[in-house]
Structure formats: C-alpha cells, structure tokens
Amino acid sequence: MSQTVKKILFWTPRILGVLIAIFISLFALDVFGEGYSFWETIAALAMHLIPTAVILITLAVAWRWERAGGILFIGLGVLYITLFWDPSRLPAYLMISVPLFLAGLLFLCNGFYREEIRADV
C-alpha cells in the first residue's frame, strides 16, 4: 500500500466524521428563529445539539479504536433509519445515513489495516 493511500485511508473517515457533525449541527440553528426567550433558546439549542454530541463522541471513540468506531457509525446510520422510518423521507436517509455508513466502513477498513497505516502516518 502506497504512502498516499495510507494517508487517505487514515484521514478520510476522520474528516468525514467532522463534516457529518457540522452538517447535523446546522439543523440546530432553526431554534434562533422560533421567538424563544434567551433561556428557552439555550435549552432548545442544547436539545438540538444532542445528535451532534453523539456523533462527536463516536468520532472520539473511532479516532482511537477504529473498528469499534466503525461499528458505532454504522449503528448510528441504522438507528436513524429505524427510529425515523418513513418511505417518503428517502432524501433524508441519503443525506444522513449514507455518510454515517461510509464513515463506518472507512473506519473499519482503517482498523483492519491499522498496523500498516499507523507505521507510516
């Protein structure tokens, strides 16, 4: 495996995890247009950022233990589909679950080649 492929395999799932967290965080911004008081806005923002916190915790686990993190990312994708199943929401599944599955698969690949990748990165 070339040095470039090792670096790509190492950094791609990590960057994708950060991008997923940023994307999910964007949905929390809708609380600012609801006309809540200051403390109600803070409470609503905290509730809306719970999924982001779960993704960041999963990313922290995956950063250290790639295989466990890969399974967690795939589990989050499955959890999203099972909790919010509605056949008319296919675009939402594609935008949220597919990146979670992809990050999970990349972390799993990273875990299987861990020794080879970590030796050079």
Protein backbone atom coordinates (compact mmCIF):
# COMPACT_ATOMS: atom_id res chain seq x y z
CA MET A 1 0.00 0.00 0.00
CA SER A 2 1.48 3.34 -1.01
CA GLN A 3 2.11 6.18 1.40
CA THR A 4 -0.58 8.33 -0.25
CA VAL A 5 -3.24 5.62 0.04
CA LYS A 6 -2.33 5.13 3.71
CA LYS A 7 -2.75 8.82 4.46
CA ILE A 8 -6.04 8.97 2.56
CA LEU A 9 -7.35 5.89 4.36
CA PHE A 10 -6.28 7.36 7.70
CA TRP A 11 -7.64 10.90 7.31
CA THR A 12 -10.76 10.46 5.13
CA PRO A 13 -13.02 8.86 7.77
CA ARG A 14 -11.90 11.35 10.40
CA ILE A 15 -12.59 14.35 8.18
CA LEU A 16 -15.90 12.80 7.12
CA GLY A 17 -16.87 12.38 10.78
CA VAL A 18 -16.17 16.06 11.46
CA LEU A 19 -18.15 17.08 8.36
CA ILE A 20 -21.10 14.91 9.46
CA ALA A 21 -21.06 16.60 12.88
CA ILE A 22 -21.01 20.05 11.26
CA PHE A 23 -23.84 19.13 8.90
CA ILE A 24 -26.03 17.78 11.71
CA SER A 25 -25.26 20.89 13.77
CA LEU A 26 -26.73 23.10 11.06
CA PHE A 27 -30.18 21.74 11.87
CA ALA A 28 -29.90 23.19 15.38
CA LEU A 29 -29.80 26.73 14.02
CA ASP A 30 -33.55 26.76 13.44
CA VAL A 31 -34.12 27.47 17.16
CA PHE A 32 -33.00 31.06 16.68
CA GLY A 33 -35.99 31.89 14.51
CA GLU A 34 -38.61 30.49 16.88
CA GLY A 35 -39.03 33.59 19.09
CA TYR A 36 -37.97 31.90 22.32
CA SER A 37 -36.59 33.80 25.30
CA PHE A 38 -32.85 33.61 25.93
CA TRP A 39 -33.01 30.62 28.29
CA GLU A 40 -35.58 28.81 26.17
CA THR A 41 -33.30 29.27 23.17
CA ILE A 42 -30.32 27.89 25.11
CA ALA A 43 -32.36 24.86 26.22
CA ALA A 44 -33.69 24.23 22.71
CA LEU A 45 -30.20 24.61 21.24
CA ALA A 46 -28.81 22.12 23.76
CA MET A 47 -31.51 19.60 22.87
CA HIS A 48 -30.94 20.07 19.15
CA LEU A 49 -27.19 19.53 19.58
CA ILE A 50 -27.55 16.13 21.29
CA PRO A 51 -27.17 14.24 17.96
CA THR A 52 -24.01 16.24 17.26
CA ALA A 53 -22.64 15.30 20.67
CA VAL A 54 -23.36 11.62 19.97
CA ILE A 55 -21.54 11.86 16.64
CA LEU A 56 -18.56 13.63 18.22
CA ILE A 57 -18.34 11.00 20.97
CA THR A 58 -18.49 8.29 18.31
CA LEU A 59 -15.76 10.10 16.39
CA ALA A 60 -13.59 10.27 19.51
CA VAL A 61 -14.00 6.51 20.02
CA ALA A 62 -13.30 5.85 16.34
CA TRP A 63 -10.22 8.04 16.37
CA ARG A 64 -8.63 5.74 18.96
CA TRP A 65 -10.33 2.39 18.25
CA GLU A 66 -11.19 2.31 14.56
CA ARG A 67 -13.12 -0.95 14.50
CA ALA A 68 -15.33 -0.03 17.46
CA GLY A 69 -15.92 3.41 15.99
CA GLY A 70 -16.75 1.92 12.61
CA ILE A 71 -19.38 -0.30 14.19
CA LEU A 72 -20.77 2.67 16.13
CA PHE A 73 -21.03 4.83 13.00
CA ILE A 74 -22.84 2.05 11.14
CA GLY A 75 -25.06 1.58 14.18
CA LEU A 76 -25.94 5.29 14.15
CA GLY A 77 -26.95 5.02 10.50
CA VAL A 78 -29.15 2.02 11.22
CA LEU A 79 -30.58 3.72 14.31
CA TYR A 80 -31.55 6.79 12.30
CA ILE A 81 -33.36 4.69 9.70
CA THR A 82 -35.18 2.54 12.26
CA LEU A 83 -36.24 5.41 14.52
CA PHE A 84 -37.48 7.71 11.79
CA TRP A 85 -38.66 5.28 9.12
CA ASP A 86 -40.99 6.84 6.58
CA PRO A 87 -40.83 5.78 2.92
CA SER A 88 -41.33 9.38 1.79
CA ARG A 89 -38.11 10.50 3.54
CA LEU A 90 -35.62 8.83 1.22
CA PRO A 91 -33.62 12.05 0.62
CA ALA A 92 -33.17 12.46 4.37
CA TYR A 93 -31.89 8.90 4.65
CA LEU A 94 -29.44 9.50 1.83
CA MET A 95 -28.15 12.73 3.37
CA ILE A 96 -27.77 11.41 6.92
CA SER A 97 -27.42 7.63 6.92
CA VAL A 98 -25.21 7.15 3.87
CA PRO A 99 -22.37 9.36 5.22
CA LEU A 100 -22.63 7.55 8.57
CA PHE A 101 -22.38 4.17 6.80
CA LEU A 102 -19.48 5.42 4.69
CA ALA A 103 -17.58 6.73 7.71
CA GLY A 104 -18.21 3.44 9.49
CA LEU A 105 -16.93 1.37 6.59
CA LEU A 106 -13.86 3.56 6.22
CA PHE A 107 -13.10 3.28 9.93
CA LEU A 108 -13.50 -0.49 9.71
CA CYS A 109 -11.06 -0.60 6.78
CA ASN A 110 -8.75 1.63 8.76
CA GLY A 111 -8.97 -0.77 11.69
CA PHE A 112 -8.15 -3.82 9.61
CA TYR A 113 -5.03 -2.15 8.21
CA ARG A 114 -4.22 -0.34 11.46
CA GLU A 115 -0.64 -1.54 11.97
CA GLU A 116 0.33 -0.94 8.37
CA ILE A 117 -1.24 2.54 8.27
CA ARG A 118 -0.09 3.73 11.70
CA ALA A 119 3.51 2.76 10.99
CA ASP A 120 3.79 5.43 8.29
CA VAL A 121 1.23 8.13 9.16
